[in-house]
């Protein structure tokens, strides 16, 4: 890890992602940002998302609405609204700028008209760098991940970077790979085109599940 440039810009942030590093802050009040380049990197193989039967049933039956890029700021703030967070004011500003530039995207889960969960990340070439997710409703972040993987597969993406592997992500198919292996996959993904919005908003819950998963 090392401190980030005090004059970090959205363009510098994109170049950092393309080089395999990402930014974090110590907490919401921190004034400094540092770069992270893990020795072991978390990824979810886009043909390997694991959705247990219970979650699949819940995804199909839940009375929620699933959208993309409807409320990026709301998702960003939802991810930051926790006791410990690495999202400070500067990171919030930078990702809002990336969203306005068409590079940062969100998936939202709505229940009774309110934001109940979601995730956000950055798209470059055929790589999607997942940043954070949150839930205010059981399984909401998992629903968002299912919808994200379906969207990435439909759009031609080849790499879903989760940065680290948590117990939660491991149960859904996330694995660790070496830094060298990650950089090889990243280089290949950056050389390919992909479209985050290739999947239309009318896609059914069943089609999202079929696109994204292997059920067990």
Protein backbone atom coordinates (compact mmCIF):
# COMPACT_ATOMS: atom_id res chain seq x y z
CA UNK A 1 0.00 0.00 0.00
CA UNK A 2 1.11 3.58 -0.55
CA UNK A 3 -0.43 7.02 -0.25
CA UNK A 4 -2.32 8.28 -3.26
CA UNK A 5 -1.54 11.48 -5.10
CA UNK A 6 -3.19 14.38 -3.23
CA UNK A 7 -4.44 15.66 -6.59
CA UNK A 8 -6.04 12.38 -7.61
CA UNK A 9 -8.41 12.74 -10.56
CA UNK A 10 -10.94 10.43 -12.20
CA UNK A 11 -8.48 9.87 -15.06
CA UNK A 12 -5.74 8.88 -12.63
CA UNK A 13 -8.18 6.55 -10.88
CA UNK A 14 -9.00 4.80 -14.17
CA UNK A 15 -5.31 4.41 -14.93
CA UNK A 16 -4.83 2.91 -11.48
CA UNK A 17 -7.55 0.32 -12.14
CA UNK A 18 -5.95 -0.51 -15.48
CA UNK A 19 -2.68 -1.08 -13.59
CA UNK A 20 -4.33 -3.40 -11.07
CA UNK A 21 -4.57 -1.11 -8.02
CA UNK A 22 -7.53 0.52 -6.29
CA UNK A 23 -8.01 3.26 -3.65
CA UNK A 24 -9.17 3.09 -0.05
CA UNK A 25 -9.32 5.38 2.96
CA UNK A 26 -8.90 4.40 6.60
CA UNK A 27 -12.39 5.63 7.50
CA UNK A 28 -15.10 8.09 6.51
CA UNK A 29 -13.30 11.03 8.15
CA UNK A 30 -9.84 10.28 6.73
CA UNK A 31 -8.30 12.97 4.55
CA UNK A 32 -5.83 10.68 2.78
CA UNK A 33 -6.38 7.93 0.23
CA UNK A 34 -3.97 5.06 -0.32
CA UNK A 35 -3.53 2.57 -3.14
CA UNK A 36 -4.00 -1.16 -2.61
CA UNK A 37 -2.42 -3.93 -4.70
CA UNK A 38 -3.21 -7.24 -2.92
CA UNK A 39 -0.84 -10.18 -3.21
CA UNK A 40 -3.92 -12.41 -3.50
CA UNK A 41 -6.86 -11.06 -5.51
CA UNK A 42 -10.51 -12.00 -5.24
CA UNK A 43 -12.48 -12.75 -8.40
CA UNK A 44 -15.80 -14.37 -9.23
CA UNK A 45 -15.53 -16.48 -12.39
CA UNK A 46 -18.38 -15.32 -14.59
CA UNK A 47 -19.29 -18.93 -15.34
CA UNK A 48 -19.02 -19.90 -11.70
CA UNK A 49 -21.49 -17.90 -9.61
CA UNK A 50 -22.98 -20.34 -7.13
CA UNK A 51 -26.57 -19.73 -6.07
CA UNK A 52 -28.04 -22.18 -3.54
CA UNK A 53 -31.61 -23.32 -4.14
CA UNK A 54 -32.96 -21.29 -1.22
CA UNK A 55 -31.44 -18.10 -2.60
CA UNK A 56 -32.65 -18.89 -6.11
CA UNK A 57 -36.22 -19.32 -4.83
CA UNK A 58 -35.97 -16.12 -2.83
CA UNK A 59 -34.63 -14.22 -5.85
CA UNK A 60 -37.53 -15.38 -8.02
CA UNK A 61 -40.24 -14.70 -5.42
CA UNK A 62 -39.08 -11.56 -3.63
CA UNK A 63 -41.30 -8.51 -4.03
CA UNK A 64 -38.48 -6.26 -5.16
CA UNK A 65 -37.56 -4.26 -8.24
CA UNK A 66 -34.09 -4.57 -9.76
CA UNK A 67 -32.59 -1.64 -11.65
CA UNK A 68 -29.21 -0.45 -12.90
CA UNK A 69 -27.77 3.07 -12.66
CA UNK A 70 -31.02 4.51 -11.33
CA UNK A 71 -29.56 5.78 -8.05
CA UNK A 72 -25.78 5.50 -8.08
CA UNK A 73 -25.35 8.07 -5.31
CA UNK A 74 -27.87 6.25 -3.13
CA UNK A 75 -25.99 2.97 -3.51
CA UNK A 76 -22.67 4.67 -2.80
CA UNK A 77 -24.10 6.21 0.37
CA UNK A 78 -25.70 2.92 1.38
CA UNK A 79 -22.33 1.19 1.12
CA UNK A 80 -20.73 3.91 3.24
CA UNK A 81 -23.47 3.82 5.90
CA UNK A 82 -21.87 1.37 8.30
CA UNK A 83 -19.73 1.45 11.42
CA UNK A 84 -16.49 0.94 9.53
CA UNK A 85 -16.08 2.18 5.97
CA UNK A 86 -13.24 3.02 3.59
CA UNK A 87 -15.45 5.47 1.64
CA UNK A 88 -14.52 9.04 2.58
CA UNK A 89 -15.65 12.31 1.01
CA UNK A 90 -12.91 12.28 -1.61
CA UNK A 91 -13.67 8.73 -2.71
CA UNK A 92 -17.36 9.60 -2.90
CA UNK A 93 -16.58 12.59 -5.14
CA UNK A 94 -14.31 10.57 -7.41
CA UNK A 95 -16.79 7.76 -7.98
CA UNK A 96 -19.63 10.16 -8.64
CA UNK A 97 -17.40 11.74 -11.29
CA UNK A 98 -16.67 8.30 -12.77
CA UNK A 99 -20.41 7.56 -12.84
CA UNK A 100 -21.12 10.81 -14.66
CA UNK A 101 -18.39 9.84 -17.13
CA UNK A 102 -20.03 6.46 -17.80
CA UNK A 103 -17.37 4.33 -16.06
CA UNK A 104 -18.93 3.60 -12.66
CA UNK A 105 -22.20 1.70 -12.42
CA UNK A 106 -24.65 0.50 -9.81
CA UNK A 107 -27.27 -2.20 -9.43
CA UNK A 108 -30.16 -1.33 -7.13
CA UNK A 109 -32.69 -3.44 -5.25
CA UNK A 110 -35.92 -1.63 -4.36
CA UNK A 111 -38.62 -2.72 -1.90
CA UNK A 112 -41.82 -0.73 -1.51
CA UNK A 113 -40.25 2.13 -3.44
CA UNK A 114 -37.20 2.39 -1.18
CA UNK A 115 -33.60 1.44 -1.83
CA UNK A 116 -33.13 -1.87 -0.01
CA UNK A 117 -29.69 -2.87 -1.24
CA UNK A 118 -27.26 -2.72 -4.09
CA UNK A 119 -23.68 -2.67 -5.28
CA UNK A 120 -21.42 -0.50 -7.40
CA UNK A 121 -18.17 -0.76 -9.30
CA UNK A 122 -16.13 0.40 -12.28
CA UNK A 123 -16.16 -0.93 -15.84
CA UNK A 124 -13.12 -0.78 -18.13
CA UNK A 125 -13.01 -2.85 -21.30
CA UNK A 126 -14.36 -6.28 -20.37
CA UNK A 127 -13.35 -5.93 -16.71
CA UNK A 128 -15.72 -4.97 -13.90
CA UNK A 129 -14.14 -3.93 -10.62
CA UNK A 130 -16.66 -4.52 -7.85
CA UNK A 131 -16.26 -1.97 -5.08
CA UNK A 132 -18.88 -2.49 -2.40
CA UNK A 133 -22.39 -3.75 -1.67
CA UNK A 134 -24.98 -3.29 1.05
CA UNK A 135 -28.29 -4.70 2.26
CA UNK A 136 -31.20 -3.29 4.21
CA UNK A 137 -33.30 -6.35 3.40
CA UNK A 138 -32.37 -10.03 3.65
CA UNK A 139 -30.50 -11.21 0.55
CA UNK A 140 -30.70 -7.81 -1.17
CA UNK A 141 -26.96 -7.60 -1.86
CA UNK A 142 -27.01 -11.19 -3.13
CA UNK A 143 -29.89 -10.30 -5.46
CA UNK A 144 -27.79 -7.41 -6.76
CA UNK A 145 -24.84 -9.72 -7.38
CA UNK A 146 -26.99 -12.17 -9.33
CA UNK A 147 -28.30 -9.32 -11.47
CA UNK A 148 -24.78 -7.95 -11.93
CA UNK A 149 -23.34 -11.25 -13.14
CA UNK A 150 -26.24 -11.67 -15.58
CA UNK A 151 -25.58 -8.16 -16.89
CA UNK A 152 -21.84 -8.77 -17.24
CA UNK A 153 -22.34 -12.06 -19.06
CA UNK A 154 -24.86 -10.46 -21.43
CA UNK A 155 -22.51 -7.56 -22.08
CA UNK A 156 -19.42 -9.62 -22.92
CA UNK A 157 -17.41 -9.03 -19.75
CA UNK A 158 -14.72 -11.58 -18.86
CA UNK A 159 -13.44 -10.43 -15.45
CA UNK A 160 -15.32 -9.68 -12.21
CA UNK A 161 -12.84 -8.40 -9.62
CA UNK A 162 -14.03 -8.52 -5.99
CA UNK A 163 -10.68 -7.24 -4.59
CA UNK A 164 -10.78 -9.61 -1.62
CA UNK A 165 -12.64 -12.84 -0.81
CA UNK A 166 -14.95 -12.65 2.17
CA UNK A 167 -16.77 -15.64 3.63
CA UNK A 168 -19.96 -14.20 2.14
CA UNK A 169 -18.46 -14.02 -1.38
CA UNK A 170 -16.75 -17.39 -1.10
CA UNK A 171 -20.13 -19.08 -0.61
CA UNK A 172 -21.22 -17.52 -3.90
CA UNK A 173 -18.20 -18.75 -5.85
CA UNK A 174 -15.48 -16.14 -5.29
CA UNK A 175 -11.92 -17.45 -5.38
CA UNK A 176 -8.45 -16.07 -4.74
CA UNK A 177 -5.82 -15.92 -7.45
CA UNK A 178 -2.24 -14.67 -7.38
CA UNK A 179 -1.34 -11.11 -8.27
CA UNK A 180 0.42 -12.35 -11.40
CA UNK A 181 -2.59 -14.39 -12.51
CA UNK A 182 -4.86 -11.42 -11.87
CA UNK A 183 -2.71 -9.11 -13.99
CA UNK A 184 -2.81 -11.60 -16.87
CA UNK A 185 -6.60 -11.76 -16.69
CA UNK A 186 -6.83 -7.99 -16.38
CA UNK A 187 -4.63 -7.39 -19.42
CA UNK A 188 -6.77 -9.73 -21.50
CA UNK A 189 -10.03 -8.15 -20.30
CA UNK A 190 -8.87 -4.60 -20.96
CA UNK A 191 -8.19 -5.51 -24.59
CA UNK A 192 -11.83 -6.50 -25.20
CA UNK A 193 -14.96 -4.38 -25.58
CA UNK A 194 -18.01 -4.91 -23.36
CA UNK A 195 -21.30 -3.12 -22.64
CA UNK A 196 -22.74 -2.74 -19.17
CA UNK A 197 -26.20 -1.90 -20.52
CA UNK A 198 -26.41 -4.65 -23.15
CA UNK A 199 -29.09 -6.32 -21.04
CA UNK A 200 -32.37 -4.47 -21.36
CA UNK A 201 -34.40 -3.29 -18.35
CA UNK A 202 -37.24 -5.69 -19.19
CA UNK A 203 -35.20 -8.84 -18.50
CA UNK A 204 -37.24 -11.22 -16.34
CA UNK A 205 -36.10 -12.50 -12.97
CA UNK A 206 -35.94 -16.01 -14.44
CA UNK A 207 -33.72 -14.90 -17.31
CA UNK A 208 -31.39 -13.09 -14.92
CA UNK A 209 -31.03 -16.23 -12.84
CA UNK A 210 -30.44 -18.41 -15.90
CA UNK A 211 -27.87 -16.00 -17.30
CA UNK A 212 -25.91 -15.72 -14.10
CA UNK A 213 -25.82 -18.98 -12.28
CA UNK A 214 -25.35 -22.60 -11.73
CA UNK A 215 -27.86 -23.66 -9.08
CA UNK A 216 -27.42 -26.44 -6.57
